[in-house]
Protein backbone atom coordinates (compact mmCIF):
# COMPACT_ATOMS: atom_id res chain seq x y z
CA MET A 1 -17.68 -29.13 39.01
CA THR A 2 -20.22 -26.30 38.77
CA THR A 3 -20.05 -23.65 36.12
CA ALA A 4 -18.57 -21.27 38.35
CA GLN A 5 -15.58 -23.46 38.65
CA ARG A 6 -13.31 -23.16 35.75
CA THR A 7 -9.86 -24.45 35.10
CA SER A 8 -6.98 -22.70 33.68
CA ARG A 9 -5.72 -24.38 30.72
CA LYS A 10 -1.99 -24.84 31.60
CA ARG A 11 -1.45 -25.69 35.17
CA GLY A 12 -4.79 -26.99 35.96
CA LEU A 13 -5.87 -24.04 38.36
CA ARG A 14 -9.49 -24.34 39.30
CA TRP A 15 -11.11 -21.09 40.21
CA ASP A 16 -14.05 -21.20 42.59
CA ARG A 17 -15.44 -17.95 41.14
CA GLU A 18 -16.45 -17.08 37.42
CA GLU A 19 -15.14 -13.60 38.00
CA ASP A 20 -11.77 -14.86 39.10
CA ALA A 21 -11.48 -17.02 35.92
CA ASP A 22 -12.28 -14.21 33.81
CA TRP A 23 -9.74 -11.94 35.74
CA ALA A 24 -7.24 -14.35 35.30
CA ALA A 25 -7.82 -14.92 31.56
CA THR A 26 -7.67 -11.12 31.01
CA VAL A 27 -4.33 -11.00 32.94
CA GLU A 28 -2.74 -13.76 30.69
CA ALA A 29 -4.06 -12.20 27.52
CA HIS A 30 -2.52 -8.63 28.45
CA LEU A 31 0.74 -10.22 29.26
CA ALA A 32 0.98 -12.19 26.05
CA PHE A 33 -0.32 -9.73 23.46
CA ASP A 34 0.47 -6.27 25.31
CA HIS A 35 3.77 -7.08 27.02
CA ASP A 36 5.21 -10.00 25.04
CA ALA A 37 5.65 -11.94 28.17
CA PRO A 38 8.27 -14.68 28.20
CA ALA A 39 6.96 -18.42 28.22
CA GLY A 40 5.78 -19.51 31.66
CA LEU A 41 5.49 -16.20 33.42
CA ALA A 42 1.71 -15.88 33.26
CA ASP A 43 1.43 -19.30 34.65
CA ASP A 44 3.80 -18.64 37.58
CA VAL A 45 1.99 -15.43 38.42
CA LEU A 46 -1.41 -16.81 38.06
CA ALA A 47 -0.25 -19.62 40.49
CA GLU A 48 0.69 -17.16 43.09
CA VAL A 49 -2.47 -15.06 42.78
CA HIS A 50 -4.67 -18.53 42.90
CA GLU A 51 -2.80 -19.29 46.09
CA LEU A 52 -3.60 -15.95 47.72
CA VAL A 53 -7.32 -15.96 46.50
CA ARG A 54 -7.72 -19.26 48.25
CA GLU A 55 -5.99 -17.90 51.38
CA GLU A 56 -7.80 -14.94 51.59
CA GLY A 57 -11.31 -16.03 50.41
CA ARG A 58 -11.72 -12.59 48.39
CA PRO A 59 -11.99 -11.98 44.60
CA ALA A 60 -8.90 -11.49 42.66
CA ARG A 61 -10.12 -7.99 41.72
CA ASP A 62 -10.42 -6.99 45.35
CA LEU A 63 -6.92 -8.30 46.21
CA PHE A 64 -4.97 -7.27 43.16
CA GLY A 65 -7.09 -4.54 41.36
CA ALA A 66 -8.12 -4.43 37.74
CA PRO A 67 -6.47 -7.17 35.49
CA GLU A 68 -5.06 -4.56 33.07
CA ALA A 69 -3.09 -2.75 35.60
CA TYR A 70 -2.06 -5.73 37.40
CA ALA A 71 -0.64 -7.10 34.12
CA ARG A 72 1.13 -3.98 33.43
CA GLY A 73 2.80 -4.00 36.97
CA VAL A 74 3.83 -7.64 36.48
CA ALA A 75 5.60 -6.62 33.12
CA GLU A 76 7.44 -3.66 34.67
CA GLU A 77 8.76 -5.71 37.64
CA ARG A 78 9.23 -9.20 36.13
CA ILE A 79 10.13 -9.04 32.55
CA GLY A 80 13.91 -8.21 32.35
CA GLU A 81 15.46 -5.67 30.11
CA GLU A 82 17.22 -8.43 28.38
CA HIS A 83 14.11 -10.04 27.13
CA ARG A 84 12.56 -6.60 26.23
CA ALA A 85 15.56 -5.34 24.54
CA ARG A 86 15.19 -8.16 21.88
CA THR A 87 11.66 -7.01 20.77
CA ASP A 88 10.65 -4.26 18.77
CA THR A 89 8.00 -1.39 18.89
CA GLU A 90 5.09 -4.08 19.01
CA GLY A 91 6.83 -6.41 21.22
CA LEU A 92 7.69 -8.95 18.62
CA SER A 93 11.10 -10.54 17.96
CA PRO A 94 12.50 -10.81 14.41
CA GLY A 95 11.65 -14.58 14.49
CA GLY A 96 8.16 -13.67 15.68
CA ARG A 97 7.74 -11.23 12.95
CA LEU A 98 8.69 -13.53 10.21
CA VAL A 99 6.66 -16.41 11.60
CA ALA A 100 3.56 -14.07 12.08
CA ALA A 101 4.04 -12.88 8.48
CA PHE A 102 4.10 -16.26 6.71
CA GLY A 103 1.28 -17.55 9.14
CA THR A 104 -0.83 -14.44 7.94
CA LEU A 105 -0.11 -15.06 4.33
CA GLY A 106 -1.53 -18.57 4.73
CA VAL A 107 -4.57 -17.19 6.56
CA ALA A 108 -5.03 -14.79 3.72
CA GLY A 109 -4.81 -17.59 1.19
CA ALA A 110 -7.44 -19.69 3.24
CA ILE A 111 -9.80 -16.65 3.21
CA LEU A 112 -9.36 -16.07 -0.48
CA SER A 113 -10.11 -19.78 -1.04
CA VAL A 114 -13.20 -19.64 0.83
CA LEU A 115 -14.44 -16.47 -1.24
CA ALA A 116 -13.59 -18.22 -4.31
CA TRP A 117 -15.69 -21.20 -3.17
CA VAL A 118 -18.45 -18.82 -2.66
CA ASP A 119 -18.24 -16.76 -5.80
CA ASP A 120 -17.09 -19.50 -8.37
CA GLY A 121 -18.27 -22.83 -7.04
CA LEU A 122 -16.38 -25.98 -5.93
CA TRP A 123 -13.85 -26.38 -8.74
CA VAL A 124 -11.19 -23.33 -9.81
CA ASP A 125 -9.34 -23.53 -13.05
CA VAL A 126 -5.64 -23.25 -12.81
CA SER A 127 -3.56 -21.65 -15.63
CA PRO A 128 0.37 -20.93 -16.34
CA SER A 129 -0.39 -17.25 -15.85
CA ALA A 130 -2.33 -17.65 -12.55
CA VAL A 131 0.49 -20.04 -11.34
CA ALA A 132 3.03 -17.18 -12.29
CA PHE A 133 0.81 -14.62 -10.64
CA PHE A 134 0.41 -16.35 -7.27
CA THR A 135 4.02 -17.37 -7.27
CA THR A 136 5.06 -13.77 -7.70
CA VAL A 137 2.86 -12.73 -4.87
CA VAL A 138 4.28 -15.30 -2.36
CA ALA A 139 7.80 -14.36 -3.24
CA ALA A 140 7.29 -10.83 -2.99
CA VAL A 141 5.51 -11.08 0.31
CA GLY A 142 8.16 -13.29 1.61
CA LEU A 143 10.78 -10.73 0.42
CA VAL A 144 9.00 -8.07 2.46
CA ALA A 145 8.62 -10.18 5.40
CA VAL A 146 12.27 -10.86 5.56
CA ALA A 147 13.08 -7.41 5.07
CA VAL A 148 10.73 -6.29 8.07
CA ALA A 149 12.19 -9.12 10.24
CA ALA A 150 15.96 -7.83 9.33
CA ARG A 151 14.82 -4.45 10.14
CA SER A 152 13.37 -5.52 13.49
CA ALA A 153 16.77 -7.11 14.07
CA GLY A 154 18.52 -3.77 13.36
CA ARG A 155 20.29 -4.97 10.42
CA LEU A 156 19.22 -2.31 7.96
CA LYS A 157 21.52 -3.03 5.11
CA GLY A 158 19.94 -6.31 4.90
CA ALA A 159 16.59 -4.92 5.14
CA TYR A 160 17.19 -2.68 2.31
CA ALA A 161 18.63 -5.42 0.15
CA PHE A 162 15.58 -7.51 0.53
CA ALA A 163 13.27 -4.71 0.04
CA ALA A 164 14.96 -3.74 -3.28
CA ALA A 165 14.53 -7.02 -4.70
CA VAL A 166 10.77 -6.76 -4.46
CA PRO A 167 10.37 -4.52 -7.47
CA ALA A 168 12.61 -6.70 -9.47
CA VAL A 169 10.60 -9.91 -8.40
CA VAL A 170 7.31 -8.11 -9.19
CA ALA A 171 8.47 -6.91 -12.56
CA ALA A 172 9.79 -10.37 -13.55
CA GLY A 173 6.54 -12.15 -12.39
CA ALA A 174 4.47 -9.48 -14.41
CA GLY A 175 6.47 -10.35 -17.46
CA VAL A 176 6.04 -13.99 -17.07
CA SER A 177 2.33 -13.71 -16.31
CA THR A 178 1.81 -11.92 -19.79
CA ALA A 179 4.15 -14.14 -21.63
CA VAL A 180 2.72 -17.53 -20.68
CA PRO A 181 -0.72 -18.68 -22.12
CA GLU A 182 -3.89 -18.35 -20.17
CA GLU A 183 -5.47 -21.50 -21.04
CA ARG A 184 -6.44 -24.02 -18.35
CA LEU A 185 -4.02 -26.46 -17.28
CA VAL A 186 -6.09 -28.15 -14.52
CA SER A 187 -9.13 -27.95 -12.54
CA VAL A 188 -8.61 -28.30 -8.72
CA PRO A 189 -11.36 -28.31 -5.92
CA VAL A 190 -11.26 -25.63 -3.59
CA PRO A 191 -11.07 -27.73 -0.44
CA VAL A 192 -7.80 -28.88 -1.90
CA LEU A 193 -6.49 -25.34 -1.90
CA LEU A 194 -8.03 -24.61 1.44
CA ALA A 195 -6.12 -27.61 3.11
CA GLY A 196 -2.87 -26.38 1.55
CA CYS A 197 -3.40 -23.02 3.06
CA VAL A 198 -4.04 -24.58 6.64
CA ALA A 199 -0.97 -26.81 6.12
CA TRP A 200 0.94 -23.66 5.54
CA VAL A 201 -0.36 -21.90 8.47
CA VAL A 202 0.43 -24.75 10.68
CA GLY A 203 3.89 -25.27 9.21
CA ALA A 204 4.68 -21.59 9.64
CA PHE A 205 3.70 -21.47 13.47
CA ALA A 206 5.37 -24.81 14.17
CA VAL A 207 8.92 -23.28 13.53
CA PRO A 208 10.31 -22.06 16.76
CA GLU A 209 10.71 -18.26 17.04
CA ARG A 210 14.16 -18.73 18.68
CA VAL A 211 15.36 -20.75 15.87
CA VAL A 212 14.31 -17.93 13.33
CA ASP A 213 15.80 -15.31 15.59
CA ARG A 214 19.27 -17.10 15.26
CA TRP A 215 19.21 -16.51 11.65
CA PHE A 216 18.77 -12.77 12.10
CA ALA A 217 20.99 -12.28 15.17
CA ALA A 218 23.94 -9.96 14.75
CA ARG A 219 27.44 -10.84 16.06
CA PRO A 220 28.41 -8.83 19.06
CA PRO A 221 30.26 -5.68 17.86
CA THR A 222 34.03 -6.56 17.39
CA GLY A 223 35.29 -3.76 15.34
CA GLY A 224 35.80 -1.26 18.15
CA ASP A 225 33.63 1.72 19.24
CA ASP A 226 32.70 2.30 15.48
CA ALA A 227 30.87 -0.87 15.15
CA TRP A 228 29.51 -0.48 18.64
CA PHE A 229 27.75 2.75 17.62
CA ALA A 230 26.84 1.51 14.03
CA ARG A 231 24.97 -1.45 15.80
CA LEU A 232 23.37 1.27 18.17
CA ASP A 233 22.14 3.37 15.13
CA GLY A 234 20.76 0.33 13.48
CA LEU A 235 18.88 -0.71 16.66
CA LEU A 236 17.45 2.55 17.27
CA ARG A 237 16.16 3.18 13.60
CA GLY A 238 15.27 -0.60 13.02
CA ARG A 239 14.05 -2.10 16.12
CA HIS A 240 12.72 1.01 17.99
CA GLY A 241 11.33 3.07 15.15
CA MET A 242 13.27 6.12 15.58
CA THR A 243 13.76 8.46 12.60
CA ALA A 244 17.36 8.98 11.40
CA ALA A 245 17.74 12.36 12.91
CA GLU A 246 16.65 11.03 16.29
CA ALA A 247 18.99 8.12 16.16
CA ARG A 248 22.01 10.41 15.17
CA GLY A 249 21.34 12.62 18.08
CA HIS A 250 21.43 9.65 20.39
CA VAL A 251 24.54 8.36 18.84
CA ARG A 252 26.27 11.75 18.86
CA GLU A 253 25.44 12.26 22.56
CA ALA A 254 26.77 8.92 23.44
CA HIS A 255 30.12 9.67 21.16
CA GLN A 256 30.55 12.89 23.21
CA HIS A 257 29.80 11.38 26.63
CA LEU A 258 32.69 8.68 25.60
CA ALA A 259 35.05 11.15 24.66
CA ALA A 260 34.73 13.11 27.75
CA GLY A 261 35.51 10.16 29.72
CA PRO A 262 38.87 8.61 30.61
CA PRO A 263 40.91 7.80 27.85
CA GLY A 264 40.94 4.05 26.85
CA ASP A 265 37.17 3.64 27.82
CA HIS A 266 35.21 1.63 25.31
CA ALA A 267 31.71 2.06 24.44
CA ALA A 268 30.85 -1.51 25.53
CA ASP A 269 32.27 -0.92 28.88
CA VAL A 270 30.75 2.36 29.55
CA PHE A 271 27.37 1.88 28.09
CA GLY A 272 26.92 -1.95 28.47
CA ASP A 273 25.21 -4.30 26.18
CA VAL A 274 24.21 -2.27 23.03
CA GLU A 275 20.77 -3.73 22.70
CA VAL A 276 19.82 -2.96 26.27
CA TYR A 277 21.22 0.65 25.79
CA ALA A 278 19.19 1.08 22.74
CA LEU A 279 16.00 -0.03 24.58
CA ARG A 280 16.78 2.39 27.51
CA LEU A 281 17.07 5.25 24.95
CA ALA A 282 13.89 4.30 23.20
CA ASP A 283 11.73 3.54 26.30
CA GLY A 284 9.86 6.71 26.79
CA PRO A 285 6.71 8.29 26.19
CA ARG A 286 7.05 8.41 22.28
CA ARG A 287 7.48 4.67 22.09
CA LYS A 288 3.94 4.03 21.32
CA GLN A 289 3.72 7.01 19.03
CA ARG A 290 6.52 5.51 16.80
CA ALA A 291 4.72 2.08 17.13
CA ALA A 292 1.56 3.72 15.67
CA ARG A 293 3.41 5.38 13.06
CA ARG A 294 5.06 2.12 11.78
CA LYS A 295 1.59 0.55 11.85
CA ALA A 296 0.38 3.62 9.61
CA TYR A 297 3.12 3.18 7.20
CA GLY A 298 2.38 -0.52 7.01
CA SER A 299 -1.46 -0.08 6.40
CA LEU A 300 -0.48 2.59 3.64
CA LEU A 301 1.52 0.02 1.83
CA LEU A 302 -1.29 -2.59 2.06
CA LEU A 303 -3.75 0.00 0.84
CA ALA A 304 -1.55 0.85 -2.14
CA VAL A 305 -1.39 -2.87 -3.05
CA LEU A 306 -5.09 -3.22 -2.52
CA THR A 307 -5.62 -0.06 -4.87
CA VAL A 308 -3.82 -1.54 -7.54
CA LEU A 309 -5.94 -4.84 -7.39
CA PHE A 310 -9.01 -2.68 -7.19
CA VAL A 311 -8.23 -0.83 -10.38
CA ASP A 312 -7.30 -4.12 -12.07
CA GLU A 313 -10.64 -5.55 -10.92
CA VAL A 314 -12.59 -2.52 -12.18
CA VAL A 315 -10.89 -2.80 -15.65
CA ASP A 316 -11.86 -6.51 -15.89
CA SER A 317 -15.28 -5.93 -14.69
CA GLY A 318 -16.06 -3.09 -17.15
CA GLY A 319 -17.06 -0.69 -14.21
CA SER A 320 -19.88 -3.05 -13.19
CA VAL A 321 -20.05 -4.13 -9.45
CA ASP A 322 -19.41 -7.66 -8.89
CA PHE A 323 -18.40 -9.76 -5.78
CA TRP A 324 -14.58 -9.38 -5.78
CA LEU A 325 -15.09 -5.53 -6.49
CA ALA A 326 -17.28 -5.33 -3.33
CA VAL A 327 -14.60 -7.28 -1.41
CA TYR A 328 -11.71 -5.04 -2.46
CA LEU A 329 -13.85 -1.96 -1.81
CA GLY A 330 -14.68 -3.06 2.03
CA ALA A 331 -10.98 -4.00 2.61
CA ALA A 332 -9.95 -0.92 1.29
CA GLY A 333 -12.42 1.24 3.51
CA SER A 334 -11.25 -0.85 6.61
CA LEU A 335 -7.57 -0.03 5.73
CA VAL A 336 -8.33 3.68 5.28
CA TRP A 337 -10.03 3.81 8.85
CA SER A 338 -7.08 1.83 10.30
CA THR A 339 -4.44 4.17 8.81
CA VAL A 340 -6.30 7.40 9.72
CA SER A 341 -6.71 6.07 13.37
CA GLU A 342 -2.95 4.84 13.55
CA TRP A 343 -1.76 8.15 12.20
CA ARG A 344 -3.95 10.10 14.52
CA ALA A 345 -2.38 7.98 17.43
CA SER A 346 1.26 8.76 16.14
CA ARG A 347 0.51 12.35 16.27
CA ASP A 348 -0.90 12.26 19.82
CA LYS A 349 1.59 14.54 21.89
CA ARG A 350 -0.50 14.55 25.13
CA PRO A 351 1.67 14.28 28.20
CA GLY A 352 1.51 11.55 30.67
CA GLY A 353 0.78 8.94 28.05
CA PRO A 354 0.64 5.17 28.76
CA ALA A 355 4.39 4.66 28.12
CA ARG A 356 6.65 4.47 31.03
CA GLY A 357 9.14 7.06 31.90
CA GLY A 358 12.48 6.91 30.33
CA ALA A 359 14.97 8.24 27.82
CA GLU A 360 12.83 10.48 25.89
CA SER A 361 10.72 12.11 28.42
CA ASP A 362 13.84 14.44 29.36
CA PRO A 363 16.53 14.04 26.69
CA GLY A 364 18.74 16.18 28.53
CA GLY A 365 18.36 14.19 31.82
CA PRO A 366 20.32 11.33 33.34
CA GLU A 367 18.98 8.93 30.97
CA GLY A 368 20.81 10.20 27.93
CA PRO A 369 24.68 9.94 27.75
CA GLY A 370 24.82 13.47 29.24
CA GLY A 371 27.49 15.90 29.33
CA PRO A 372 31.06 15.46 30.56
CA GLY A 373 31.02 13.99 33.91
CA ALA A 374 27.37 13.06 34.15
CA PRO A 375 26.91 9.41 34.59
CA GLY A 376 25.79 7.32 31.48
CA PRO A 377 23.10 5.00 31.48
CA GLY A 378 25.64 2.20 31.53
CA GLU A 379 27.22 3.46 34.73
CA PRO A 380 26.36 3.30 38.28
CA GLY A 381 24.34 6.29 39.08
CA ALA A 382 22.28 6.31 36.07
CA ASP A 383 19.42 4.29 37.55
CA PRO A 384 16.71 6.85 36.48
CA ALA A 385 17.19 5.73 32.96
CA GLU A 386 15.88 2.36 34.02
CA PRO A 387 12.59 1.65 32.51
CA GLY A 388 10.10 1.94 35.22
CA ALA A 389 12.48 3.89 37.56
CA ASP A 390 9.72 6.14 38.68
CA ARG A 391 7.73 3.38 40.37
CA THR A 392 7.34 3.26 43.90
CA ASP A 393 7.94 -0.02 45.84
CA ALA A 394 4.63 0.10 47.60
CA GLY A 395 3.56 -3.22 47.19
CA GLY A 396 4.56 -5.23 44.30
CA PRO A 397 2.06 -6.93 41.73
CA ASN A 398 2.29 -10.15 43.57
CA ARG A 399 1.09 -8.84 46.84
CA PRO A 400 -2.69 -8.24 48.01
CA ASP A 401 -1.86 -4.45 48.59
CA ALA A 402 -0.81 -3.94 44.96
CA GLY A 403 -4.23 -3.27 43.80
């Protein structure tokens, strides 16, 4: 097999051209990271592309266009609303968020272990205060991760409860750290700590996301229309990142539309599944702005934590620049840059953004609940609210003329 003949890793597809293999890899990456494609979709799509490329004898780019645009077309046509409705503004399910958070914690521990190895040598001293400190950090990060996952599931009360426990855990940990002695208990080789962090990461990502999703799954609203509307408000604010005012406006319009309909109608019958309905309301030009705003808030939180560590290091070092001070300073600079960039993206109000047309592009249009007599998103005649409804049908992403 020549260097121009590369094999796709899952189905054993052999591409005769290097450019086709690169094109396929780009499509697979965009489907996975930009569109949160369900398992197996990229394999099915690339198998179809591979067959047509072989039949036509032409490069994939000539047949299907740019890989980014092709992946976007596949996502619009072949990723169902039911799947997308379970994910948040960044395309993650609650289980995916929790798994990623704990996996990232392990990666951060591994990086810190390597840095300690470089700065302090092969052995590190373990004291009771250090054990209390790192236990507090893990517990606080775990609570924050669970709170974020609960928010992604639209369970705001649970998210607030876990978030409220973080200050209590930090205060208790700080008290214990100052009360216990700082004398050395034992010396541990850094490779042992590094191996423990690697095992943590492997264990975190070994847990199936669907299993974790079940921990946060809310029962279908059974308390009548009030429970349905409460669930809608939680999803709009938690999963889709709307402000409380935006969410209340959508809920109020849905209330009005339901009240204007025939007596005895229920919200679930008129609007359909509450998660899909929430997605339709949120799936507009402002979706990416809300995602950027959330990222900016997360970066600000990390920056605040890093600032505390930075100040503590400055005090301990007496103002002199040492290794860890330089590490904190570099990380803080990176977070400041990230926060500014994300905040600018969240304030970008240019029309015709990358998001698909949807409920927010015309709040008074057919995608919203509308006024009396107007078809609601859950009724026939409300097709314009469907994500991607403004697409033409001139060649789907799986035909050569789609490019």
